[in-house]
Protein backbone atom coordinates (compact mmCIF):
# COMPACT_ATOMS: atom_id res chain seq x y z
CA MET A 1 25.26 110.89 130.15
CA LYS A 2 24.20 107.79 127.40
CA VAL A 3 27.10 106.39 126.63
CA ALA A 4 27.09 103.31 124.39
CA VAL A 5 30.53 101.16 124.57
CA GLY A 6 32.20 98.36 122.70
CA ALA A 7 34.86 95.98 121.91
CA ASP A 8 36.13 92.86 119.62
CA HIS A 9 38.18 90.21 122.06
CA ALA A 10 41.54 92.94 122.64
CA GLY A 11 39.13 94.88 124.46
CA PHE A 12 36.54 93.00 126.03
CA GLU A 13 39.05 92.65 130.15
CA LEU A 14 39.24 96.26 130.07
CA LYS A 15 35.42 96.77 128.75
CA GLY A 16 33.64 95.08 131.26
CA GLU A 17 35.95 97.69 134.08
CA ILE A 18 34.74 101.16 132.13
CA VAL A 19 30.96 99.59 131.78
CA ARG A 20 31.03 99.66 135.69
CA TRP A 21 33.41 102.81 135.79
CA LEU A 22 30.88 104.75 134.17
CA GLU A 23 27.86 103.23 136.18
CA SER A 24 29.11 104.13 139.08
CA GLU A 25 30.12 107.46 137.83
CA GLY A 26 26.11 107.78 137.38
CA HIS A 27 26.04 107.58 133.20
CA GLN A 28 23.11 105.05 131.78
CA VAL A 29 25.53 102.23 129.20
CA ASN A 30 24.33 100.96 126.30
CA ASP A 31 26.89 97.75 126.49
CA ILE A 32 26.92 96.98 123.46
CA GLY A 33 29.01 94.01 123.73
CA ALA A 34 31.11 91.41 123.36
CA HIS A 35 29.33 89.97 126.54
CA GLU A 36 32.03 87.65 126.35
CA PHE A 37 35.02 85.88 125.57
CA ASP A 38 35.24 84.96 121.70
CA PRO A 39 38.98 84.69 120.29
CA ASP A 40 37.47 85.25 116.69
CA ASP A 41 35.39 88.46 117.26
CA ASP A 42 36.15 91.32 114.55
CA TYR A 43 36.07 95.13 115.90
CA PRO A 44 34.59 96.58 113.16
CA ASP A 45 31.13 94.44 114.54
CA PHE A 46 31.85 96.69 118.20
CA ALA A 47 32.40 99.85 115.82
CA VAL A 48 29.07 100.14 113.81
CA ALA A 49 26.74 98.51 116.60
CA VAL A 50 28.25 101.67 119.11
CA ALA A 51 28.65 104.44 115.99
CA TRP A 52 24.27 103.09 115.43
CA SER A 53 23.02 103.24 118.54
CA ILE A 54 24.66 107.00 117.94
CA ARG A 55 22.86 107.84 115.58
CA ALA A 56 19.65 106.23 116.24
CA GLY A 57 19.53 108.43 119.33
CA GLU A 58 19.95 105.98 121.29
CA SER A 59 23.19 107.33 122.70
CA GLU A 60 24.14 110.58 122.55
CA ARG A 61 28.48 109.77 123.00
CA GLY A 62 30.02 106.07 122.34
CA ILE A 63 33.48 104.61 123.87
CA VAL A 64 34.54 101.47 121.10
CA ILE A 65 37.99 99.55 122.24
CA CYS A 66 39.59 96.94 120.62
CA GLY A 67 44.17 95.88 120.88
CA SER A 68 45.59 99.31 119.29
CA GLY A 69 42.06 101.34 118.80
CA VAL A 70 42.78 102.19 115.40
CA GLY A 71 40.74 100.28 112.96
CA ALA A 72 37.62 100.69 115.41
CA CYS A 73 38.12 104.19 114.66
CA ILE A 74 38.61 104.00 110.82
CA THR A 75 35.54 101.89 111.21
CA ALA A 76 33.43 104.24 113.63
CA ASN A 77 34.19 107.06 110.97
CA LYS A 78 32.81 105.56 107.88
CA VAL A 79 29.67 105.87 109.65
CA LYS A 80 27.48 109.16 109.02
CA GLY A 81 27.29 111.44 111.31
CA ILE A 82 30.31 110.07 114.11
CA ARG A 83 33.47 111.93 114.25
CA ALA A 84 35.36 108.84 116.12
CA CYS A 85 39.32 109.84 116.85
CA LEU A 86 41.72 106.84 118.53
CA CYS A 87 42.36 109.27 122.20
CA HIS A 88 45.50 106.84 124.66
CA ASP A 89 46.03 110.61 125.84
CA THR A 90 43.33 113.81 128.08
CA TYR A 91 44.35 116.71 125.43
CA SER A 92 43.56 115.04 122.53
CA ALA A 93 39.86 113.92 124.42
CA ARG A 94 39.03 116.92 125.67
CA GLN A 95 40.11 119.05 122.26
CA GLY A 96 38.08 116.42 120.26
CA VAL A 97 35.12 116.85 121.50
CA GLU A 98 35.78 120.74 122.33
CA HIS A 99 36.72 121.60 118.90
CA ASP A 100 35.58 118.88 116.81
CA ASN A 101 32.68 118.08 117.72
CA MET A 102 33.98 114.10 117.94
CA ASN A 103 31.35 112.05 119.22
CA VAL A 104 32.95 108.56 119.59
CA VAL A 105 36.55 107.96 121.13
CA CYS A 106 38.46 105.18 121.02
CA ILE A 107 41.46 103.35 123.01
CA GLY A 108 43.29 100.26 122.27
CA GLY A 109 42.71 97.87 125.38
CA ARG A 110 46.33 96.23 124.61
CA ILE A 111 48.00 100.29 125.24
CA ILE A 112 46.86 101.76 127.66
CA GLY A 113 45.47 100.58 131.24
CA ILE A 114 41.51 101.09 133.33
CA GLU A 115 43.17 104.39 135.39
CA LEU A 116 44.74 106.00 132.32
CA THR A 117 41.59 105.23 130.43
CA LYS A 118 39.61 106.77 133.15
CA VAL A 119 41.23 110.53 132.35
CA VAL A 120 40.94 109.95 128.54
CA LEU A 121 37.50 109.25 128.89
CA GLU A 122 36.89 111.47 131.51
CA SER A 123 38.22 114.62 129.04
CA PHE A 124 35.43 112.91 127.00
CA LEU A 125 32.44 112.79 128.24
CA ASN A 126 32.87 115.97 130.38
CA ALA A 127 33.37 118.04 127.33
CA SER A 128 31.68 120.17 125.27
CA PHE A 129 31.33 121.75 122.09
CA LEU A 130 32.35 124.96 121.60
CA LEU A 131 30.04 127.46 119.98
CA GLU A 132 32.94 130.01 118.45
CA PRO A 133 32.30 130.78 115.45
CA ARG A 134 36.01 128.44 113.46
CA PHE A 135 34.64 125.63 115.32
CA GLN A 136 31.56 125.45 113.79
CA ARG A 137 33.11 127.17 110.28
CA ARG A 138 35.02 123.54 110.46
CA LEU A 139 32.85 121.67 111.00
CA ASP A 140 30.70 122.81 108.23
CA LYS A 141 33.84 121.77 106.35
CA LEU A 142 33.45 118.59 107.92
CA ASN A 143 29.94 117.77 107.35
CA GLN A 144 30.10 118.82 103.81
CA VAL A 145 33.15 116.85 103.26
CA GLU A 146 31.10 113.92 104.58
CA GLN A 147 27.46 114.63 102.16
CA ASN A 148 29.45 115.27 98.85
CA GLY A 149 32.37 114.14 99.28
CA LEU A 150 34.04 117.63 98.46
CA PRO A 151 35.15 120.13 100.96
């Protein structure tokens, strides 16, 4: 799978480990950055870059890491067509894709370590949207809100 990965200074170290692991698992990684540690960089820059990689069709899914994952999640969700969620457990990571067609997972680099991150990402990357009427109906409503601001 083509996966965009981005992180600010708080996720920089974890991102390096994730990129190496994803590549070892056979994924094509689009490393958005940061490419060097900068304690003054800002998570919105990387969250938007990952989101735009998906919008442009360069990546199928995205991973954004900041300190808590919250700011990255808020930012990524501002980009049309992006459905991002903060996930630190396997159930949310899998179910977010299966039920909500989530395409970006956000991780708190100061919250979980590499081993838990790996299993969360396995759940996220191995899941597929379930083509059941109730999930499609809900996704259609979500898209309606995104288009018009109304349910």
